[in-house]
Amino acid sequence: MVSLSYTVLFSLVVSLVVASHKGQGSMRKRHVQAGCKAGGSQVSTSGLPTQSNALLADASKPPTHTSGLPTQTSGLPTQASGKPSQTSNSTQPSSQPTPTGGKYQLVDHYQGQDFMNEALWSYFTGTDLTNGIVDYVSQATADSQGMVHVQNGAAVLSVNNKTDLPLNTRRQSVRLTSTKTYNAGLVIADIAAMPVGCSLWPAFWSFNLEKWPIAGEIDVIEGVNKQTTNEMTLHTGPQCTLDKSASFSGNVLSTDCETTSTSNTGCGISDPDPSSYGQGFNDNGGGVYARLWDKDGIRIWFFARPSIPQDISSGNPDPSSWPAPNAFWSTSTCDVATHFYDHSLVIDTTLCGDWAGAVYGNSGCPGTCAQAVADASNFDHAYWMINSISTYE
């Protein structure tokens, strides 16, 4: 009876959580444990006004990120000619030079204008259920405000930095979700720059929109404010834990992956490499994140720009030749086939909220998180610059 009661109770809790998140999905990793709540300056965004078009029309500010962006594209496949236009409804991503063969075969290669093609990447619109002071806008709005564009073949996805805002007004940002879902396989993300600065909470992750957290969530890149190292995390239903004895180079943050029992902290691993996240990542020209999901578990690697393996650059990735992963969740303590399926890829940047806002007071950032959001100059470097995202099976 105890087991049955727990199962019924868990099912009820999960049903309520999923229902409240449907359409937006997971809350992702939220460090909202008692210590963080007490030490931070979490900002409530209930009833906040959205950013108005009148405010955006202010031409006294320079245009969004069109100068000073890194142009690092060495070792990358050349963007194919005939790429879809920004308003294209093509359901096929850009082509890539045909690899010479290997264990993993290319399935999809997203590059440049692909990230502005809503047949490939949908733009979530509305407020952030993680209480961010952010207004996620449509592709059309993001385009009209200069928040999304292509530079040197790379997709630039920005937070709006055109004008200062009244305190507690939501600032415009973007959240992209792949229209295609993926299961086991290899994902390689070549990123030249990521958003950095106070109040920022960028993430590259995947989840099942309709069945979170039962179908799992994988956070590949995530951090907040002035954080200098990346955190990689799984969020699941019950009976999934991190095996600390597995071979990986990162530092264990927590071992219980179950969402309800950990206040959605999940089971996380931190990469000690200062070039894995934030300003250190950008100063080094970015790098490549690789995520392998197979019968053995889920692994994540980070390769700084100077250390990208040749097999990745040539389009013939061979994880068996790479060093130990930065993170590894072994199927020995978490049945990957049961806990993870039908994932969409997600790229977003939220502001403040349940993590960045909660720990803002201890982040070394000035003032309050809400004040940081109001200051447009705080977002001059709040952009993703994505060379490509490739999937293999």
Protein backbone atom coordinates (compact mmCIF):
# COMPACT_ATOMS: atom_id res chain seq x y z
CA MET A 1 0.00 0.00 0.00
CA VAL A 2 2.85 2.38 0.73
CA SER A 3 4.28 1.79 -2.75
CA LEU A 4 0.87 2.18 -4.37
CA SER A 5 0.17 5.41 -2.48
CA TYR A 6 3.51 6.87 -3.50
CA THR A 7 2.89 5.99 -7.13
CA VAL A 8 -0.57 7.54 -7.13
CA LEU A 9 0.72 10.66 -5.36
CA PHE A 10 3.66 11.03 -7.75
CA SER A 11 1.40 10.62 -10.79
CA LEU A 12 -0.92 13.33 -9.45
CA VAL A 13 1.98 15.72 -8.81
CA VAL A 14 3.47 15.12 -12.24
CA SER A 15 0.10 15.63 -13.92
CA LEU A 16 -0.31 18.99 -12.21
CA VAL A 17 3.24 20.08 -13.06
CA VAL A 18 2.96 19.07 -16.71
CA ALA A 19 -0.42 20.76 -17.04
CA SER A 20 0.99 24.03 -15.70
CA HIS A 21 3.95 23.88 -18.06
CA LYS A 22 2.22 22.71 -21.24
CA GLY A 23 3.09 24.96 -24.14
CA GLN A 24 6.29 26.20 -22.52
CA GLY A 25 7.76 23.04 -21.09
CA SER A 26 10.29 22.50 -18.39
CA MET A 27 11.33 24.93 -15.72
CA ARG A 28 14.82 23.55 -16.31
CA LYS A 29 17.36 23.55 -13.52
CA ARG A 30 16.22 25.94 -10.83
CA HIS A 31 18.49 26.54 -7.86
CA VAL A 32 15.68 27.63 -5.60
CA GLN A 33 16.55 25.69 -2.49
CA ALA A 34 16.19 27.47 0.84
CA GLY A 35 19.77 28.72 0.90
CA CYS A 36 19.50 30.32 -2.52
CA LYS A 37 16.13 31.86 -1.75
CA ALA A 38 17.49 33.47 1.36
CA GLY A 39 20.74 34.62 -0.18
CA GLY A 40 19.44 35.94 -3.49
CA SER A 41 17.22 38.77 -4.61
CA GLN A 42 14.54 36.90 -6.48
CA VAL A 43 12.25 39.24 -8.39
CA SER A 44 8.56 38.58 -8.72
CA THR A 45 7.28 39.37 -12.19
CA SER A 46 3.58 38.92 -11.52
CA GLY A 47 1.61 41.53 -13.42
CA LEU A 48 4.65 43.08 -15.09
CA PRO A 49 3.92 45.10 -18.23
CA THR A 50 5.26 43.77 -21.50
CA GLN A 51 7.73 45.77 -23.56
CA SER A 52 5.86 48.18 -25.80
CA ASN A 53 6.53 48.88 -29.48
CA ALA A 54 6.70 52.57 -28.65
CA LEU A 55 9.71 51.94 -26.45
CA LEU A 56 11.34 49.86 -29.16
CA ALA A 57 10.96 52.64 -31.71
CA ASP A 58 13.53 54.79 -29.92
CA ALA A 59 16.28 55.33 -32.49
CA SER A 60 18.58 57.12 -30.06
CA LYS A 61 20.26 53.83 -29.24
CA PRO A 62 22.58 52.08 -31.70
CA PRO A 63 21.19 49.03 -33.51
CA THR A 64 21.49 45.64 -31.88
CA HIS A 65 24.58 43.48 -32.07
CA THR A 66 26.02 44.35 -35.45
CA SER A 67 29.55 45.29 -34.44
CA GLY A 68 32.27 43.69 -32.43
CA LEU A 69 30.95 40.18 -32.97
CA PRO A 70 33.47 37.36 -33.27
CA THR A 71 33.96 36.00 -36.76
CA GLN A 72 35.59 32.69 -35.86
CA THR A 73 34.49 30.06 -38.35
CA SER A 74 37.69 28.13 -38.98
CA GLY A 75 37.23 24.41 -39.41
CA LEU A 76 33.52 24.81 -40.08
CA PRO A 77 31.66 23.54 -43.13
CA THR A 78 30.98 26.29 -45.65
CA GLN A 79 27.38 27.47 -45.62
CA ALA A 80 25.59 25.96 -48.57
CA SER A 81 24.42 28.20 -51.38
CA GLY A 82 20.71 28.46 -51.95
CA LYS A 83 19.94 28.61 -48.24
CA PRO A 84 16.31 29.35 -47.41
CA SER A 85 15.34 33.00 -47.06
CA GLN A 86 14.34 34.39 -43.70
CA THR A 87 10.67 33.87 -44.57
CA SER A 88 11.17 30.43 -46.10
CA ASN A 89 8.86 27.63 -45.06
CA SER A 90 11.26 24.92 -46.22
CA THR A 91 11.28 21.94 -43.91
CA GLN A 92 14.86 20.99 -44.82
CA PRO A 93 17.85 22.54 -43.04
CA SER A 94 20.90 23.76 -44.94
CA SER A 95 23.05 21.14 -46.59
CA GLN A 96 26.55 20.27 -45.47
CA PRO A 97 29.43 18.78 -47.49
CA THR A 98 28.93 15.01 -47.56
CA PRO A 99 31.11 13.27 -44.94
CA THR A 100 33.43 10.53 -46.14
CA GLY A 101 31.76 7.96 -43.90
CA GLY A 102 31.92 6.78 -40.32
CA LYS A 103 29.91 5.28 -37.51
CA TYR A 104 27.61 8.30 -37.25
CA GLN A 105 25.74 9.57 -40.29
CA LEU A 106 24.57 13.16 -40.63
CA VAL A 107 20.80 13.60 -40.20
CA ASP A 108 20.28 17.38 -39.93
CA HIS A 109 22.59 20.38 -40.25
CA TYR A 110 21.19 23.72 -39.05
CA GLN A 111 23.08 26.85 -40.02
CA GLY A 112 22.53 30.55 -40.67
CA GLN A 113 19.02 31.35 -41.87
CA ASP A 114 17.76 27.94 -40.75
CA PHE A 115 17.35 29.40 -37.26
CA MET A 116 14.99 32.06 -38.66
CA ASN A 117 12.93 29.47 -40.54
CA GLU A 118 9.83 28.65 -38.49
CA ALA A 119 9.33 25.39 -40.34
CA LEU A 120 12.54 24.25 -38.63
CA TRP A 121 12.59 26.28 -35.38
CA SER A 122 9.47 27.61 -33.69
CA TYR A 123 9.60 30.83 -31.64
CA PHE A 124 7.85 30.52 -28.30
CA THR A 125 5.92 33.69 -27.45
CA GLY A 126 4.78 35.01 -24.12
CA THR A 127 6.06 35.22 -20.58
CA ASP A 128 8.50 32.88 -18.90
CA LEU A 129 7.07 30.37 -16.43
CA THR A 130 10.37 30.49 -14.55
CA ASN A 131 9.46 34.05 -13.53
CA GLY A 132 11.99 35.76 -15.78
CA ILE A 133 11.61 39.47 -16.50
CA VAL A 134 11.44 38.59 -20.17
CA ASP A 135 8.98 38.73 -23.04
CA TYR A 136 9.64 36.01 -25.60
CA VAL A 137 8.74 37.36 -29.04
CA SER A 138 7.84 35.90 -32.42
CA GLN A 139 10.29 35.46 -35.26
CA ALA A 140 8.70 38.39 -37.11
CA THR A 141 9.08 40.70 -34.11
CA ALA A 142 12.62 39.54 -33.43
CA ASP A 143 13.50 40.16 -37.07
CA SER A 144 11.94 43.64 -37.13
CA GLN A 145 13.85 44.62 -33.98
CA GLY A 146 17.19 43.32 -35.29
CA MET A 147 17.33 40.62 -32.64
CA VAL A 148 17.94 37.79 -35.11
CA HIS A 149 20.14 37.88 -38.18
CA VAL A 150 23.02 36.11 -39.91
CA GLN A 151 26.60 37.34 -39.70
CA ASN A 152 29.47 35.62 -41.49
CA GLY A 153 27.25 32.55 -41.91
CA ALA A 154 26.43 32.30 -38.20
CA ALA A 155 23.01 32.84 -36.64
CA VAL A 156 22.88 35.67 -34.10
CA LEU A 157 20.05 35.38 -31.54
CA SER A 158 19.89 38.39 -29.23
CA VAL A 159 18.17 39.99 -26.29
CA ASN A 160 16.75 43.39 -27.30
CA ASN A 161 19.23 46.11 -26.33
CA LYS A 162 17.70 49.11 -28.09
CA THR A 163 16.37 51.14 -25.20
CA ASP A 164 16.26 51.50 -21.45
CA LEU A 165 13.02 50.29 -19.86
CA PRO A 166 10.92 51.27 -16.86
CA LEU A 167 11.78 49.17 -13.82
CA ASN A 168 10.14 45.72 -13.87
CA THR A 169 9.22 45.91 -17.55
CA ARG A 170 9.89 42.68 -19.39
CA ARG A 171 12.71 42.88 -21.93
CA GLN A 172 12.33 41.14 -25.26
CA SER A 173 14.27 37.93 -25.94
CA VAL A 174 13.91 34.78 -28.02
CA ARG A 175 13.34 31.12 -27.29
CA LEU A 176 13.73 28.70 -30.21
CA THR A 177 12.52 25.09 -30.25
CA SER A 178 13.29 22.62 -33.02
CA THR A 179 10.15 21.44 -34.79
CA LYS A 180 11.76 18.03 -35.24
CA THR A 181 12.19 15.70 -32.28
CA TYR A 182 15.18 13.45 -31.62
CA ASN A 183 15.98 10.30 -29.70
CA ALA A 184 19.29 8.46 -29.37
CA GLY A 185 22.12 9.92 -31.40
CA LEU A 186 24.80 12.58 -31.47
CA VAL A 187 24.24 16.35 -31.39
CA ILE A 188 27.12 18.70 -32.15
CA ALA A 189 26.69 22.43 -31.51
CA ASP A 190 29.41 24.77 -32.80
CA ILE A 191 28.95 28.07 -30.99
CA ALA A 192 31.12 31.17 -31.45
CA ALA A 193 29.61 33.22 -28.61
CA MET A 194 27.00 32.96 -25.87
CA PRO A 195 25.10 35.64 -23.91
CA VAL A 196 27.09 37.09 -21.01
CA GLY A 197 26.28 39.63 -18.32
CA CYS A 198 24.33 40.34 -15.17
CA SER A 199 20.72 39.06 -15.03
CA LEU A 200 21.30 36.67 -17.96
CA TRP A 201 20.32 33.00 -17.90
CA PRO A 202 21.13 31.40 -21.27
CA ALA A 203 20.65 27.71 -21.99
CA PHE A 204 20.93 25.09 -24.73
CA TRP A 205 18.90 22.03 -23.79
CA SER A 206 16.36 19.43 -24.91
CA PHE A 207 13.11 18.05 -23.56
CA ASN A 208 9.77 16.48 -24.46
CA LEU A 209 7.19 19.26 -24.70
CA GLU A 210 4.19 17.09 -23.88
CA LYS A 211 5.66 14.66 -21.34
CA TRP A 212 8.00 16.63 -19.10
CA PRO A 213 9.50 15.49 -16.78
CA ILE A 214 8.62 11.83 -17.42
CA ALA A 215 10.36 11.91 -20.83
CA GLY A 216 13.34 13.77 -19.40
CA GLU A 217 15.32 16.92 -19.95
CA ILE A 218 19.00 17.30 -20.85
CA ASP A 219 20.70 20.64 -20.12
CA VAL A 220 23.85 20.90 -22.23
CA ILE A 221 24.75 24.55 -21.58
CA GLU A 222 23.41 26.55 -18.65
CA GLY A 223 24.51 29.22 -16.20
CA VAL A 224 23.62 32.64 -14.81
CA ASN A 225 24.98 36.14 -14.23
CA LYS A 226 28.80 36.17 -13.99
CA GLN A 227 29.15 32.40 -13.76
CA THR A 228 32.42 31.20 -15.27
CA THR A 229 31.87 27.46 -15.73
CA ASN A 230 29.14 25.45 -17.40
CA GLU A 231 26.58 23.26 -15.62
CA MET A 232 25.15 20.15 -17.30
CA THR A 233 22.06 18.55 -15.78
CA LEU A 234 19.39 15.88 -16.21
CA HIS A 235 15.81 16.22 -14.97
CA THR A 236 13.63 13.09 -14.89
CA GLY A 237 10.85 11.15 -13.24
CA PRO A 238 11.66 8.77 -10.34
CA GLN A 239 14.38 6.11 -10.21
CA CYS A 240 17.12 7.91 -12.10
CA THR A 241 20.38 8.83 -10.40
CA LEU A 242 23.90 9.86 -11.36
CA ASP A 243 26.54 7.15 -10.98
CA LYS A 244 29.52 9.00 -9.51
CA SER A 245 31.83 6.08 -10.32
CA ALA A 246 31.37 6.55 -14.08
CA SER A 247 34.25 8.04 -16.05
CA PHE A 248 33.94 11.80 -16.59
CA SER A 249 36.01 14.89 -15.82
CA GLY A 250 33.41 17.24 -14.33
CA ASN A 251 32.52 17.89 -10.71
CA VAL A 252 29.34 16.31 -9.32
CA LEU A 253 26.80 18.82 -8.02
CA SER A 254 23.95 16.42 -7.17
CA THR A 255 23.04 12.81 -7.87
CA ASP A 256 19.22 12.55 -7.71
CA CYS A 257 17.75 13.36 -11.12
CA GLU A 258 14.09 13.17 -10.08
CA THR A 259 12.39 16.53 -10.52
CA THR A 260 9.88 16.43 -7.67
CA SER A 261 12.28 15.18 -4.99
CA THR A 262 14.96 17.79 -5.75
CA SER A 263 12.82 20.94 -6.23
CA ASN A 264 13.80 20.63 -9.90
CA THR A 265 17.52 20.92 -9.23
CA GLY A 266 18.13 17.61 -11.02
CA CYS A 267 21.44 15.75 -11.11
CA GLY A 268 24.13 18.14 -12.24
CA ILE A 269 27.79 18.16 -13.20
CA SER A 270 29.94 21.29 -13.38
CA ASP A 271 32.76 21.69 -15.88
CA PRO A 272 35.81 23.20 -14.11
CA ASP A 273 37.14 24.62 -17.40
CA PRO A 274 36.71 28.45 -17.34
CA SER A 275 36.50 28.47 -21.14
CA SER A 276 33.34 26.33 -21.01
CA TYR A 277 30.96 29.17 -20.23
CA GLY A 278 30.43 32.93 -20.20
CA GLN A 279 33.13 35.48 -20.86
CA GLY A 280 35.89 32.87 -20.87
CA PHE A 281 34.02 30.95 -23.56
CA ASN A 282 33.63 34.07 -25.71
CA ASP A 283 37.22 35.25 -25.20
CA ASN A 284 38.41 31.90 -26.55
CA GLY A 285 36.27 32.09 -29.70
CA GLY A 286 33.70 29.69 -28.28
CA GLY A 287 33.89 26.02 -29.09
CA VAL A 288 31.93 22.83 -29.68
CA TYR A 289 29.54 21.02 -27.38
CA ALA A 290 28.81 17.40 -28.25
CA ARG A 291 26.05 15.33 -26.69
CA LEU A 292 25.93 11.56 -27.19
CA TRP A 293 22.77 9.71 -26.19
CA ASP A 294 23.00 5.94 -26.63
CA LYS A 295 22.38 2.62 -24.87
CA ASP A 296 25.23 3.28 -22.43
CA GLY A 297 23.83 6.57 -21.18
CA ILE A 298 24.18 10.29 -21.91
CA ARG A 299 27.56 11.97 -22.34
CA ILE A 300 28.51 15.60 -22.92
CA TRP A 301 31.86 16.91 -24.17
CA PHE A 302 33.14 20.45 -24.48
CA PHE A 303 35.98 21.28 -26.87
CA ALA A 304 37.43 24.79 -26.77
CA ARG A 305 37.99 26.35 -30.19
CA PRO A 306 41.70 25.43 -30.45
CA SER A 307 41.00 21.84 -29.37
CA ILE A 308 38.13 20.77 -31.64
CA PRO A 309 38.90 17.26 -32.94
CA GLN A 310 39.55 17.00 -36.65
CA ASP A 311 36.87 14.33 -37.03
CA ILE A 312 34.25 16.88 -35.89
CA SER A 313 35.54 19.57 -38.26
CA SER A 314 35.48 17.11 -41.17
CA GLY A 315 31.92 16.01 -40.46
CA ASN A 316 32.94 12.49 -39.39
CA PRO A 317 32.61 12.58 -35.59
CA ASP A 318 34.05 9.61 -33.72
CA PRO A 319 33.32 9.85 -29.98
CA SER A 320 35.34 6.69 -29.34
CA SER A 321 38.48 8.67 -30.16
CA TRP A 322 37.71 11.54 -27.80
CA PRO A 323 38.90 11.87 -24.19
CA ALA A 324 36.63 11.13 -21.24
CA PRO A 325 33.46 13.23 -21.41
CA ASN A 326 32.94 16.25 -19.19
CA ALA A 327 29.68 14.67 -18.00
CA PHE A 328 28.33 11.11 -18.12
CA TRP A 329 25.07 9.72 -16.78
CA SER A 330 25.39 5.95 -17.03
CA THR A 331 22.39 3.78 -17.80
CA SER A 332 23.55 1.56 -14.93
CA THR A 333 21.71 3.85 -12.50
CA CYS A 334 19.32 5.56 -14.92
CA ASP A 335 17.52 3.63 -17.65
CA VAL A 336 17.96 6.10 -20.50
CA ALA A 337 15.53 4.29 -22.81
CA THR A 338 12.77 4.71 -20.21
CA HIS A 339 13.50 8.22 -19.01
CA PHE A 340 14.33 10.01 -22.28
CA TYR A 341 12.49 10.07 -25.61
CA ASP A 342 11.21 12.41 -28.34
CA HIS A 343 13.22 15.50 -27.44
CA SER A 344 13.09 18.90 -29.10
CA LEU A 345 16.23 21.06 -29.02
CA VAL A 346 15.87 24.45 -27.30
CA ILE A 347 17.96 27.65 -27.36
CA ASP A 348 16.88 30.50 -25.10
CA THR A 349 17.96 33.44 -22.97
CA THR A 350 15.82 34.43 -20.02
CA LEU A 351 16.49 37.19 -17.50
CA CYS A 352 16.50 37.02 -13.69
CA GLY A 353 13.81 34.55 -12.64
CA ASP A 354 14.04 31.56 -10.35
CA TRP A 355 17.78 31.03 -10.72
CA ALA A 356 19.53 34.16 -12.03
CA GLY A 357 17.27 36.37 -9.92
CA ALA A 358 17.45 34.19 -6.83
CA VAL A 359 21.26 34.27 -6.65
CA TYR A 360 21.78 37.77 -8.06
CA GLY A 361 22.65 39.25 -4.67
CA ASN A 362 25.65 36.92 -4.39
CA SER A 363 26.76 37.19 -8.02
CA GLY A 364 28.99 40.26 -7.82
CA CYS A 365 26.59 42.19 -10.05
CA PRO A 366 25.57 45.75 -9.08
CA GLY A 367 22.15 46.84 -7.88
CA THR A 368 19.20 44.51 -8.28
CA CYS A 369 18.37 42.06 -11.03
CA ALA A 370 15.37 44.16 -12.08
CA GLN A 371 17.61 47.23 -12.40
CA ALA A 372 19.98 45.27 -14.63
CA VAL A 373 17.10 44.30 -16.93
CA ALA A 374 16.02 47.94 -17.24
CA ASP A 375 19.49 49.05 -18.44
CA ALA A 376 19.84 48.44 -22.19
CA SER A 377 23.64 48.68 -22.11
CA ASN A 378 23.71 45.55 -19.97
CA PHE A 379 22.69 43.56 -23.06
CA ASP A 380 25.28 44.63 -25.61
CA HIS A 381 26.82 41.16 -25.33
CA ALA A 382 23.59 39.26 -24.70
CA TYR A 383 23.54 37.14 -27.83
CA TRP A 384 24.15 33.65 -29.10
CA MET A 385 26.32 33.33 -32.19
CA ILE A 386 25.74 29.84 -33.52
CA ASN A 387 27.86 28.53 -36.36
CA SER A 388 25.86 25.31 -36.67
CA ILE A 389 24.00 22.55 -34.89
CA SER A 390 24.30 19.09 -36.45
CA THR A 391 22.56 15.85 -35.53
CA TYR A 392 23.86 12.37 -36.30
CA GLU A 393 22.59 8.82 -35.92
